[in-house]
Amino acid sequence: MSRATRPPSPSHPLLRKKSIDDMLAASRGEHGSEHLERTMTTFQLMMFGVGATIGTGIFFVLAVTVPKAGPAVMITFLLVGIIAALTALCYAEVASTIPVSGSAYSYSFASLGELPAYLVGWALILEYGVAGAATSVGWAEYFNALLDDVFGFRIPESLSSGLLAEGPGIINLPAVVLVGLCCLLLLRGAKESARANAIMVVIKLCVLALFVVLALTGFKSGNLKPFAPEGISGISAAIPAIFFTFLGIDAVSTAGEEVKNPGRTIPRAVFGAVAIVTVFYLLVAFAAVAAQPTPKFEGQDAGLEAILNDVTGVALPGIIIAAGAVISIFSVTLITVYGQTRILFAMGRDGMLPPLFKEVNSNTLSPNKNVLVTSTFIAVLAAVVPIDKLFDLVSIGTLAAFMVVSATVIILRRTRPDLERGFRLPFGPVIPVLSIVSCAYAASTIAAVTWISVGIWLLLALTVYFLYSHKHSILHDTEAGEL
């Protein structure tokens, strides 16, 4: 087992911090620490960000958000894009300074202390675990639509809907199969997963470009009126679901321990991913609301395909969209499951979770047991829960991570100004503060029932912490050794 080489900070045991130097040493495999192989390039990492983000929502989120915001959903996309851009700047600085696995969990362990980091870790588990399930449920909808278009049949409702869906079935079998395929790919190692993802992302972007071009042939100015039928409240109500579509930003940071030259690679990948994602989202949203009246979005499965079928009057473009979605949402689920495993890997290496989460296979240099446990959890969730009940839970986890990373920028500027940074934010603490305020506002729009669910989740986390994690923490072992 790896051990911290520096004594913990003289703070309360619940707020003891992990040394950044020890984190970096562990990522290099020093002191016998488990570590991962640095194989990813800038392009592959950027495609991680784009792949995790585009497709997590845009292929089906319009059916949830347009009925609330109307054509003004474009404003919601723009607002969330600005928030994401502010946060992306913060991620670029922190992730290039501490290029290790764990994303916001690891950053908060260095800046806020053990218990806050632990809770952030559980928020990330909620974010990635639920996101993986949500995307696989969305994938199942497109897969069914593709079967219907090409072969004229659909998987029975009882085998394509979860037990908790409005029209309950027995199991969402396509979603389970997708998670299983992602699991098999991840077991082959990060390098192979990154290569497969890059190919799928290029296909995804081509498909979305095709949608924009064809949908705009059906442009009707009347579809844009009324522009915001429910005013600001409608625009705000769409924020949580759209935040889900920007999840990929921190997916980039989860790969921090597996990229070459992280000081330069991570900032470039983050900026490139945010720019590509925001532009494509706005184009797709504009083309969709201009081509179809707002009321038709309500409850519309596989919405982009349905829009093209209406606009062109023929089935082929819709079939291409459905096929593209089936391929591209595969990549989203793949990266989401990947991100989840790397967060659990970091928590396992710190002693916050059982050792099986940090064990690395000597052949693939991948945490294979971790991958199997994570995939099983996500598959079970996808099998029973419908997508609309998952969106808001993901958004809370994302917002928590965004705020923690922004706060970490400020804290490390004060406590460790000497650290070598691959990228440094301009304007001092202004951007991190704006990011935190923006995220807090977005969080305030989330329904109370979702917060209650998250509260129950965190109570479970605290129970596990005081029964297991605190006394198994790598810092607890170090303290005990000094007594």
Protein backbone atom coordinates (compact mmCIF):
# COMPACT_ATOMS: atom_id res chain seq x y z
CA MET A 1 0.00 0.00 0.00
CA SER A 2 1.23 3.45 -0.81
CA ARG A 3 1.85 5.89 2.04
CA ALA A 4 2.02 9.66 2.21
CA THR A 5 5.63 10.77 2.58
CA ARG A 6 4.84 14.11 4.17
CA PRO A 7 3.08 14.61 7.48
CA PRO A 8 -0.52 15.77 7.27
CA SER A 9 -1.31 19.39 7.89
CA PRO A 10 -1.87 20.23 11.60
CA SER A 11 -5.62 20.61 11.22
CA HIS A 12 -8.68 18.80 12.48
CA PRO A 13 -8.54 15.10 11.46
CA LEU A 14 -11.63 15.56 9.32
CA LEU A 15 -9.92 18.40 7.44
CA ARG A 16 -6.44 16.92 7.06
CA LYS A 17 -5.07 17.58 3.59
CA LYS A 18 -3.08 15.44 1.24
CA SER A 19 0.21 16.81 0.01
CA ILE A 20 0.21 17.75 -3.68
CA ASP A 21 3.81 16.54 -3.90
CA ASP A 22 2.66 13.14 -2.62
CA MET A 23 -0.17 13.08 -5.15
CA LEU A 24 2.24 13.73 -7.99
CA ALA A 25 4.68 11.15 -6.65
CA ALA A 26 1.89 8.57 -6.45
CA SER A 27 0.88 9.28 -10.05
CA ARG A 28 4.47 8.43 -11.05
CA GLY A 29 4.34 5.17 -9.12
CA GLU A 30 6.84 6.27 -6.48
CA HIS A 31 6.81 4.64 -3.01
CA GLY A 32 5.12 1.56 -4.48
CA SER A 33 1.91 3.40 -5.37
CA GLU A 34 -0.49 2.01 -7.90
CA HIS A 35 -0.48 4.23 -10.97
CA LEU A 36 -1.79 4.43 -14.54
CA GLU A 37 0.07 4.74 -17.85
CA ARG A 38 0.39 8.11 -19.65
CA THR A 39 -0.64 7.34 -23.24
CA MET A 40 -3.24 9.94 -24.34
CA THR A 41 -2.51 12.80 -26.75
CA THR A 42 -4.09 16.28 -26.89
CA PHE A 43 -6.46 15.26 -29.68
CA GLN A 44 -7.56 12.11 -27.90
CA LEU A 45 -8.17 14.03 -24.68
CA MET A 46 -10.08 16.75 -26.50
CA MET A 47 -12.21 14.06 -28.10
CA PHE A 48 -12.80 12.72 -24.59
CA GLY A 49 -14.30 16.08 -23.67
CA VAL A 50 -16.35 16.40 -26.84
CA GLY A 51 -17.41 12.78 -26.73
CA ALA A 52 -18.53 12.93 -23.12
CA THR A 53 -20.44 16.14 -23.65
CA ILE A 54 -22.12 16.11 -27.05
CA GLY A 55 -24.57 13.31 -27.00
CA THR A 56 -25.07 13.08 -23.26
CA GLY A 57 -28.00 15.35 -23.81
CA ILE A 58 -28.40 16.99 -27.17
CA PHE A 59 -29.83 13.88 -28.81
CA PHE A 60 -32.71 13.74 -26.36
CA VAL A 61 -32.61 16.70 -23.95
CA LEU A 62 -34.66 18.97 -26.22
CA ALA A 63 -37.73 16.86 -25.49
CA VAL A 64 -37.30 17.76 -21.81
CA THR A 65 -36.24 21.40 -22.06
CA VAL A 66 -38.08 22.95 -25.01
CA PRO A 67 -41.52 22.35 -23.43
CA LYS A 68 -40.29 24.46 -20.50
CA ALA A 69 -38.27 27.18 -22.22
CA GLY A 70 -39.68 27.20 -25.76
CA PRO A 71 -37.33 28.46 -28.50
CA ALA A 72 -35.61 30.43 -25.71
CA VAL A 73 -33.90 27.16 -24.87
CA MET A 74 -31.10 28.67 -26.99
CA ILE A 75 -30.64 31.29 -24.26
CA THR A 76 -30.45 28.53 -21.68
CA PHE A 77 -27.78 26.77 -23.72
CA LEU A 78 -25.85 30.03 -24.00
CA LEU A 79 -26.09 30.76 -20.26
CA VAL A 80 -24.95 27.28 -19.32
CA GLY A 81 -22.22 27.50 -21.96
CA ILE A 82 -20.89 30.68 -20.35
CA ILE A 83 -20.93 29.05 -16.92
CA ALA A 84 -19.17 26.02 -18.35
CA ALA A 85 -16.56 28.24 -20.02
CA LEU A 86 -15.81 30.01 -16.73
CA THR A 87 -15.49 26.69 -14.98
CA ALA A 88 -13.41 25.26 -17.82
CA LEU A 89 -10.81 27.94 -17.20
CA CYS A 90 -10.65 26.85 -13.57
CA TYR A 91 -10.35 23.20 -14.55
CA ALA A 92 -7.55 24.06 -16.95
CA GLU A 93 -5.47 25.65 -14.19
CA VAL A 94 -6.10 23.06 -11.48
CA ALA A 95 -5.93 19.96 -13.68
CA SER A 96 -2.68 21.11 -15.27
CA THR A 97 -1.26 21.79 -11.80
CA ILE A 98 -2.37 18.49 -10.23
CA PRO A 99 -2.51 16.04 -13.18
CA VAL A 100 -3.77 13.00 -11.27
CA SER A 101 -6.83 10.77 -11.32
CA GLY A 102 -9.90 11.71 -9.31
CA SER A 103 -10.76 15.12 -10.77
CA ALA A 104 -12.51 17.38 -8.23
CA TYR A 105 -12.16 14.74 -5.51
CA SER A 106 -8.36 14.85 -5.66
CA TYR A 107 -8.24 18.64 -6.01
CA SER A 108 -10.44 19.15 -2.95
CA PHE A 109 -8.33 16.69 -0.94
CA ALA A 110 -5.40 19.04 -1.46
CA SER A 111 -7.32 22.27 -0.86
CA LEU A 112 -10.31 21.63 1.45
CA GLY A 113 -9.37 18.49 3.36
CA GLU A 114 -10.37 14.88 3.72
CA LEU A 115 -14.06 14.96 4.62
CA PRO A 116 -15.02 17.65 2.06
CA ALA A 117 -13.05 15.71 -0.56
CA TYR A 118 -14.78 12.50 0.42
CA LEU A 119 -18.22 14.11 0.02
CA VAL A 120 -17.17 15.58 -3.32
CA GLY A 121 -16.11 12.08 -4.32
CA TRP A 122 -19.57 10.77 -3.52
CA ALA A 123 -21.12 13.65 -5.45
CA LEU A 124 -18.97 12.62 -8.40
CA ILE A 125 -20.06 9.01 -7.99
CA LEU A 126 -23.63 10.27 -8.17
CA GLU A 127 -22.76 12.41 -11.20
CA TYR A 128 -20.92 9.81 -13.24
CA GLY A 129 -22.86 6.77 -12.13
CA VAL A 130 -26.21 8.37 -12.84
CA ALA A 131 -24.95 9.95 -16.06
CA GLY A 132 -23.77 6.59 -17.31
CA ALA A 133 -27.19 5.15 -16.62
CA ALA A 134 -29.00 8.13 -18.17
CA THR A 135 -27.03 8.03 -21.40
CA SER A 136 -27.51 4.30 -21.76
CA VAL A 137 -31.28 4.74 -21.28
CA GLY A 138 -31.23 7.45 -23.98
CA TRP A 139 -29.21 5.16 -26.21
CA ALA A 140 -31.87 2.47 -25.83
CA GLU A 141 -34.50 4.87 -27.19
CA TYR A 142 -32.45 5.57 -30.31
CA PHE A 143 -31.58 1.91 -30.76
CA ASN A 144 -35.26 1.01 -30.70
CA ALA A 145 -36.05 3.78 -33.19
CA LEU A 146 -33.31 2.52 -35.49
CA LEU A 147 -34.65 -1.04 -35.36
CA ASP A 148 -38.11 0.27 -36.17
CA ASP A 149 -36.89 2.35 -39.13
CA VAL A 150 -34.63 -0.29 -40.65
CA PHE A 151 -36.32 -3.59 -39.80
CA GLY A 152 -39.86 -2.56 -38.87
CA PHE A 153 -39.93 -3.91 -35.34
CA ARG A 154 -39.12 -2.68 -31.84
CA ILE A 155 -37.92 -4.41 -28.72
CA PRO A 156 -41.01 -5.05 -26.56
CA GLU A 157 -41.82 -2.39 -23.96
CA SER A 158 -41.36 -4.92 -21.19
CA LEU A 159 -37.71 -5.39 -22.23
CA SER A 160 -36.90 -1.75 -23.06
CA SER A 161 -38.37 0.13 -20.06
CA GLY A 162 -37.29 0.17 -16.43
CA LEU A 163 -39.47 -0.81 -13.53
CA LEU A 164 -39.81 2.84 -12.48
CA ALA A 165 -40.77 4.20 -15.92
CA GLU A 166 -44.22 5.71 -16.45
CA GLY A 167 -45.06 2.77 -18.67
CA PRO A 168 -43.18 0.26 -16.51
CA GLY A 169 -41.48 -2.74 -18.02
CA ILE A 170 -39.33 -5.51 -16.58
CA ILE A 171 -35.86 -4.34 -17.59
CA ASN A 172 -34.24 -1.91 -20.01
CA LEU A 173 -32.24 -4.61 -21.76
CA PRO A 174 -30.60 -2.47 -24.51
CA ALA A 175 -29.22 -0.10 -21.86
CA VAL A 176 -27.75 -3.01 -19.92
CA VAL A 177 -26.14 -4.42 -23.06
CA LEU A 178 -24.56 -1.04 -23.86
CA VAL A 179 -22.98 -0.76 -20.42
CA GLY A 180 -21.68 -4.30 -20.84
CA LEU A 181 -20.01 -3.39 -24.15
CA CYS A 182 -18.38 -0.32 -22.57
CA CYS A 183 -17.11 -2.53 -19.77
CA LEU A 184 -15.48 -4.94 -22.23
CA LEU A 185 -13.76 -2.07 -24.05
CA LEU A 186 -12.47 -0.48 -20.85
CA LEU A 187 -11.04 -3.80 -19.72
CA ARG A 188 -8.73 -3.63 -22.77
CA GLY A 189 -7.10 -0.45 -21.40
CA ALA A 190 -7.26 3.35 -21.66
CA LYS A 191 -5.28 3.63 -24.91
CA GLU A 192 -7.67 1.39 -26.84
CA SER A 193 -10.69 3.10 -25.28
CA ALA A 194 -9.39 6.55 -26.27
CA ARG A 195 -8.78 5.46 -29.86
CA ALA A 196 -12.26 3.97 -30.21
CA ASN A 197 -13.81 7.06 -28.66
CA ALA A 198 -12.04 9.45 -31.08
CA ILE A 199 -13.46 7.56 -34.06
CA MET A 200 -16.97 7.64 -32.62
CA VAL A 201 -16.74 11.37 -31.85
CA VAL A 202 -15.82 12.25 -35.44
CA ILE A 203 -18.86 10.28 -36.63
CA LYS A 204 -21.00 12.09 -34.08
CA LEU A 205 -19.96 15.55 -35.25
CA CYS A 206 -20.63 14.63 -38.88
CA VAL A 207 -24.10 13.40 -37.98
CA LEU A 208 -24.96 16.58 -36.07
CA ALA A 209 -23.71 18.74 -38.94
CA LEU A 210 -26.00 16.78 -41.25
CA PHE A 211 -28.92 17.39 -38.90
CA VAL A 212 -28.32 21.15 -38.83
CA VAL A 213 -28.13 21.43 -42.61
CA LEU A 214 -31.27 19.36 -43.26
CA ALA A 215 -33.33 20.78 -40.38
CA LEU A 216 -32.69 24.35 -41.56
CA THR A 217 -34.37 23.50 -44.87
CA GLY A 218 -37.57 23.34 -42.81
CA PHE A 219 -37.03 26.74 -41.17
CA LYS A 220 -40.29 28.52 -40.27
CA SER A 221 -40.12 31.81 -38.44
CA GLY A 222 -43.50 31.07 -36.86
CA ASN A 223 -41.96 28.20 -34.91
CA LEU A 224 -39.89 30.75 -32.98
CA LYS A 225 -43.01 32.47 -31.61
CA PRO A 226 -43.67 32.84 -28.77
CA PHE A 227 -39.95 32.85 -28.13
CA ALA A 228 -40.14 32.35 -24.36
CA PRO A 229 -43.69 31.21 -23.53
CA GLU A 230 -43.01 30.91 -19.79
CA GLY A 231 -40.52 33.77 -19.54
CA ILE A 232 -37.48 33.67 -17.29
CA SER A 233 -38.98 30.91 -15.16
CA GLY A 234 -39.13 28.63 -18.18
CA ILE A 235 -35.57 29.47 -19.19
CA SER A 236 -34.38 28.79 -15.63
CA ALA A 237 -36.35 25.56 -15.35
CA ALA A 238 -34.41 24.16 -18.29
CA ILE A 239 -31.02 24.83 -16.70
CA PRO A 240 -30.63 21.60 -14.66
CA ALA A 241 -31.25 19.32 -17.61
CA ILE A 242 -28.98 21.34 -19.89
CA PHE A 243 -26.21 21.26 -17.30
CA PHE A 244 -26.29 17.56 -17.84
CA THR A 245 -25.17 18.16 -21.41
CA PHE A 246 -21.96 19.90 -20.24
CA LEU A 247 -20.78 17.01 -18.11
CA GLY A 248 -17.78 16.34 -20.34
CA ILE A 249 -15.67 19.14 -18.94
CA ASP A 250 -14.66 17.23 -15.87
CA ALA A 251 -14.42 14.00 -17.83
CA VAL A 252 -11.29 15.53 -19.33
CA SER A 253 -9.82 16.03 -15.88
CA THR A 254 -10.52 12.45 -14.80
CA ALA A 255 -7.90 11.37 -17.32
CA GLY A 256 -5.25 13.68 -15.86
CA GLU A 257 -3.05 10.77 -14.82
CA GLU A 258 -3.11 9.14 -18.25
CA VAL A 259 -2.18 12.01 -20.61
CA LYS A 260 1.23 12.90 -22.02
CA ASN A 261 2.69 16.27 -21.06
CA PRO A 262 -0.35 17.22 -18.89
CA GLY A 263 0.74 20.81 -18.27
CA ARG A 264 0.18 21.62 -21.94
CA THR A 265 -2.23 18.89 -23.02
CA ILE A 266 -5.01 19.42 -20.46
CA PRO A 267 -5.61 23.18 -20.98
CA ARG A 268 -5.65 22.78 -24.76
CA ALA A 269 -8.04 19.84 -24.56
CA VAL A 270 -10.40 21.64 -22.18
CA PHE A 271 -10.58 24.83 -24.27
CA GLY A 272 -10.99 22.96 -27.52
CA ALA A 273 -13.73 20.74 -26.14
CA VAL A 274 -15.76 23.61 -24.68
CA ALA A 275 -15.55 25.61 -27.90
CA ILE A 276 -16.63 22.71 -30.12
CA VAL A 277 -19.43 21.68 -27.79
CA THR A 278 -20.93 25.14 -27.35
CA VAL A 279 -20.97 25.89 -31.08
CA PHE A 280 -22.60 22.57 -31.96
CA TYR A 281 -25.21 22.88 -29.20
CA LEU A 282 -26.32 26.30 -30.33
CA LEU A 283 -26.50 25.24 -33.97
CA VAL A 284 -28.51 22.10 -33.21
CA ALA A 285 -30.87 23.89 -30.81
CA PHE A 286 -31.53 26.68 -33.31
CA ALA A 287 -32.13 24.28 -36.19
CA ALA A 288 -34.48 22.13 -34.06
CA VAL A 289 -36.72 24.90 -32.66
CA ALA A 290 -36.86 26.61 -36.06
CA ALA A 291 -37.96 23.42 -37.77
CA GLN A 292 -40.55 22.15 -35.28
CA PRO A 293 -43.29 23.85 -33.20
CA THR A 294 -42.68 23.86 -29.45
CA PRO A 295 -45.65 21.62 -28.48
CA LYS A 296 -44.30 18.75 -30.58
CA PHE A 297 -41.19 18.41 -28.40
CA GLU A 298 -43.21 17.21 -25.38
CA GLY A 299 -42.44 13.54 -24.68
CA GLN A 300 -40.74 13.10 -28.07
CA ASP A 301 -38.38 10.12 -27.99
CA ALA A 302 -35.41 10.24 -30.39
CA GLY A 303 -36.34 13.85 -31.13
CA LEU A 304 -33.73 14.78 -33.73
CA GLU A 305 -34.69 11.84 -35.90
CA ALA A 306 -38.39 12.74 -35.67
CA ILE A 307 -37.66 16.33 -36.70
CA LEU A 308 -35.79 15.25 -39.81
CA ASN A 309 -38.50 12.79 -40.77
CA ASP A 310 -41.05 15.63 -40.63
CA VAL A 311 -38.86 18.13 -42.47
CA THR A 312 -37.67 15.93 -45.31
CA GLY A 313 -40.69 13.66 -45.62
CA VAL A 314 -38.44 10.66 -46.16
CA ALA A 315 -37.02 8.19 -43.71
CA LEU A 316 -33.36 8.00 -44.79
CA PRO A 317 -32.03 11.15 -43.03
CA GLY A 318 -33.78 10.12 -39.85
CA ILE A 319 -32.25 6.67 -40.11
CA ILE A 320 -28.79 8.22 -40.48
CA ILE A 321 -29.40 10.38 -37.40
CA ALA A 322 -30.59 7.38 -35.42
CA ALA A 323 -27.55 5.33 -36.52
CA GLY A 324 -25.24 8.21 -35.68
CA ALA A 325 -26.86 8.61 -32.28
CA VAL A 326 -26.50 4.93 -31.53
CA ILE A 327 -22.78 5.16 -32.28
CA SER A 328 -22.16 8.50 -30.60
CA ILE A 329 -24.06 7.89 -27.37
CA PHE A 330 -21.99 4.74 -27.08
CA SER A 331 -18.95 7.02 -26.75
CA VAL A 332 -20.66 9.12 -24.08
CA THR A 333 -21.43 6.12 -21.96
CA LEU A 334 -17.92 4.77 -22.49
CA ILE A 335 -16.27 7.95 -21.20
CA THR A 336 -18.72 8.34 -18.35
CA VAL A 337 -18.04 4.83 -17.09
CA TYR A 338 -14.32 5.49 -17.59
CA GLY A 339 -14.50 8.69 -15.53
CA GLN A 340 -16.33 6.91 -12.76
CA THR A 341 -13.68 4.21 -12.54
CA ARG A 342 -10.85 6.77 -12.31
CA ILE A 343 -12.54 8.66 -9.49
CA LEU A 344 -13.06 5.41 -7.60
CA PHE A 345 -9.44 4.51 -8.35
CA ALA A 346 -8.23 7.72 -6.70
CA MET A 347 -10.50 7.18 -3.69
CA GLY A 348 -9.32 3.60 -3.38
CA ARG A 349 -5.67 4.70 -3.52
CA ASP A 350 -6.35 7.13 -0.67
CA GLY A 351 -8.01 4.42 1.43
CA MET A 352 -11.45 5.98 1.18
CA LEU A 353 -12.80 2.85 -0.53
CA PRO A 354 -11.78 -0.84 -0.37
CA PRO A 355 -8.45 -1.77 -2.03
CA LEU A 356 -10.07 -3.54 -5.00
CA PHE A 357 -10.83 -0.14 -6.53
CA LYS A 358 -7.13 0.76 -6.81
CA GLU A 359 -5.82 -2.57 -8.07
CA VAL A 360 -4.31 -2.26 -11.55
CA ASN A 361 -4.11 -5.15 -14.00
CA SER A 362 -0.45 -5.71 -14.92
CA ASN A 363 -1.23 -6.44 -18.58
CA THR A 364 -3.71 -3.66 -19.46
CA LEU A 365 -2.64 -1.17 -16.75
CA SER A 366 -6.35 -0.67 -16.13
CA PRO A 367 -8.22 -1.04 -12.81
CA ASN A 368 -10.19 -4.03 -14.06
CA LYS A 369 -11.96 -5.04 -10.83
CA ASN A 370 -12.99 -1.42 -10.42
CA VAL A 371 -14.36 -1.42 -13.98
CA LEU A 372 -16.43 -4.54 -13.34
CA VAL A 373 -17.96 -3.23 -10.09
CA THR A 374 -18.72 0.19 -11.60
CA SER A 375 -20.27 -1.27 -14.74
CA THR A 376 -22.49 -3.54 -12.70
CA PHE A 377 -23.76 -0.62 -10.59
CA ILE A 378 -24.51 1.51 -13.65
CA ALA A 379 -26.18 -1.36 -15.49
CA VAL A 380 -28.54 -2.04 -12.59
CA LEU A 381 -29.45 1.65 -12.40
CA ALA A 382 -30.08 1.85 -16.14
CA ALA A 383 -32.17 -1.30 -16.06
CA VAL A 384 -34.84 0.11 -13.75
CA VAL A 385 -34.86 3.94 -13.71
CA PRO A 386 -36.22 6.16 -16.56
CA ILE A 387 -34.13 8.99 -17.96
CA ASP A 388 -36.24 11.95 -16.81
CA LYS A 389 -35.74 11.00 -13.16
CA LEU A 390 -31.96 10.97 -13.62
CA PHE A 391 -31.20 14.36 -15.18
CA ASP A 392 -31.42 16.59 -12.09
CA LEU A 393 -29.37 14.24 -9.91
CA VAL A 394 -26.55 14.45 -12.43
CA SER A 395 -26.74 18.23 -12.50
CA ILE A 396 -26.25 18.54 -8.74
CA GLY A 397 -23.15 16.37 -8.84
CA THR A 398 -21.78 18.40 -11.75
CA LEU A 399 -22.42 21.72 -10.04
CA ALA A 400 -20.77 20.54 -6.84
CA ALA A 401 -17.68 19.53 -8.77
CA PHE A 402 -17.61 22.81 -10.69
CA MET A 403 -17.78 24.90 -7.50
CA VAL A 404 -15.12 22.86 -5.72
CA VAL A 405 -12.68 23.18 -8.61
CA SER A 406 -13.28 26.93 -8.79
CA ALA A 407 -12.68 27.26 -5.05
CA THR A 408 -9.52 25.18 -5.36
CA VAL A 409 -8.05 27.72 -7.76
CA ILE A 410 -8.42 30.46 -5.14
CA ILE A 411 -7.16 28.33 -2.26
CA LEU A 412 -4.07 27.03 -4.05
CA ARG A 413 -3.19 30.52 -5.27
CA ARG A 414 -2.97 31.53 -1.60
CA THR A 415 -1.47 28.39 -0.07
CA ARG A 416 0.78 27.13 -2.90
CA PRO A 417 1.74 30.05 -5.13
CA ASP A 418 5.00 28.23 -5.85
CA LEU A 419 3.37 25.35 -7.74
CA GLU A 420 4.23 24.96 -11.40
CA ARG A 421 1.06 25.63 -13.40
CA GLY A 422 0.52 24.55 -16.98
CA PHE A 423 -2.07 27.30 -17.35
CA ARG A 424 -2.79 30.33 -15.17
CA LEU A 425 -6.16 32.09 -15.07
CA PRO A 426 -6.18 35.82 -15.84
CA PHE A 427 -7.87 38.43 -13.59
CA GLY A 428 -6.97 36.79 -10.24
CA PRO A 429 -9.96 35.38 -8.33
CA VAL A 430 -12.59 37.08 -10.53
CA ILE A 431 -13.30 34.14 -12.83
CA PRO A 432 -13.41 31.49 -10.06
CA VAL A 433 -15.82 33.67 -8.05
CA LEU A 434 -18.03 34.24 -11.09
CA SER A 435 -18.00 30.49 -11.72
CA ILE A 436 -19.03 29.72 -8.13
CA VAL A 437 -21.82 32.31 -8.17
CA SER A 438 -23.11 31.06 -11.52
CA CYS A 439 -23.12 27.46 -10.35
CA ALA A 440 -24.87 28.42 -7.10
CA TYR A 441 -27.58 30.15 -9.11
CA ALA A 442 -28.00 27.11 -11.33
CA ALA A 443 -28.21 24.89 -8.25
CA SER A 444 -30.97 27.08 -6.82
CA THR A 445 -33.18 26.21 -9.78
CA ILE A 446 -33.14 22.48 -8.99
CA ALA A 447 -36.32 21.06 -7.45
CA ALA A 448 -36.48 20.46 -3.69
CA VAL A 449 -37.25 16.77 -4.12
CA THR A 450 -33.93 16.33 -5.94
CA TRP A 451 -32.06 18.01 -3.11
CA ILE A 452 -33.75 15.66 -0.65
CA SER A 453 -32.56 12.69 -2.71
CA VAL A 454 -29.02 14.08 -2.70
CA GLY A 455 -29.24 14.69 1.05
CA ILE A 456 -30.11 11.04 1.62
CA TRP A 457 -27.21 10.03 -0.62
CA LEU A 458 -24.76 12.16 1.39
CA LEU A 459 -26.08 10.76 4.69
CA LEU A 460 -25.24 7.31 3.35
CA ALA A 461 -21.80 8.65 2.40
CA LEU A 462 -21.19 9.97 5.92
CA THR A 463 -22.21 6.64 7.42
CA VAL A 464 -19.66 4.81 5.27
CA TYR A 465 -17.03 7.44 6.05
CA PHE A 466 -17.24 7.11 9.83
CA LEU A 467 -17.59 3.31 9.73
CA TYR A 468 -14.80 2.64 7.21
CA SER A 469 -13.11 5.43 5.27
CA HIS A 470 -11.82 7.64 8.09
CA LYS A 471 -9.85 4.89 9.80
CA HIS A 472 -8.62 3.40 6.52
CA SER A 473 -7.50 6.75 5.10
CA ILE A 474 -3.92 6.91 3.95
CA LEU A 475 -3.48 9.97 6.15
CA HIS A 476 -4.88 8.12 9.17
CA ASP A 477 -2.16 5.49 8.72
CA THR A 478 0.48 8.20 8.55
CA GLU A 479 -0.78 9.85 11.74
CA ALA A 480 -0.88 6.52 13.56
CA GLY A 481 2.71 5.84 12.55
CA GLU A 482 3.86 9.10 14.10
CA LEU A 483 2.28 8.46 17.50
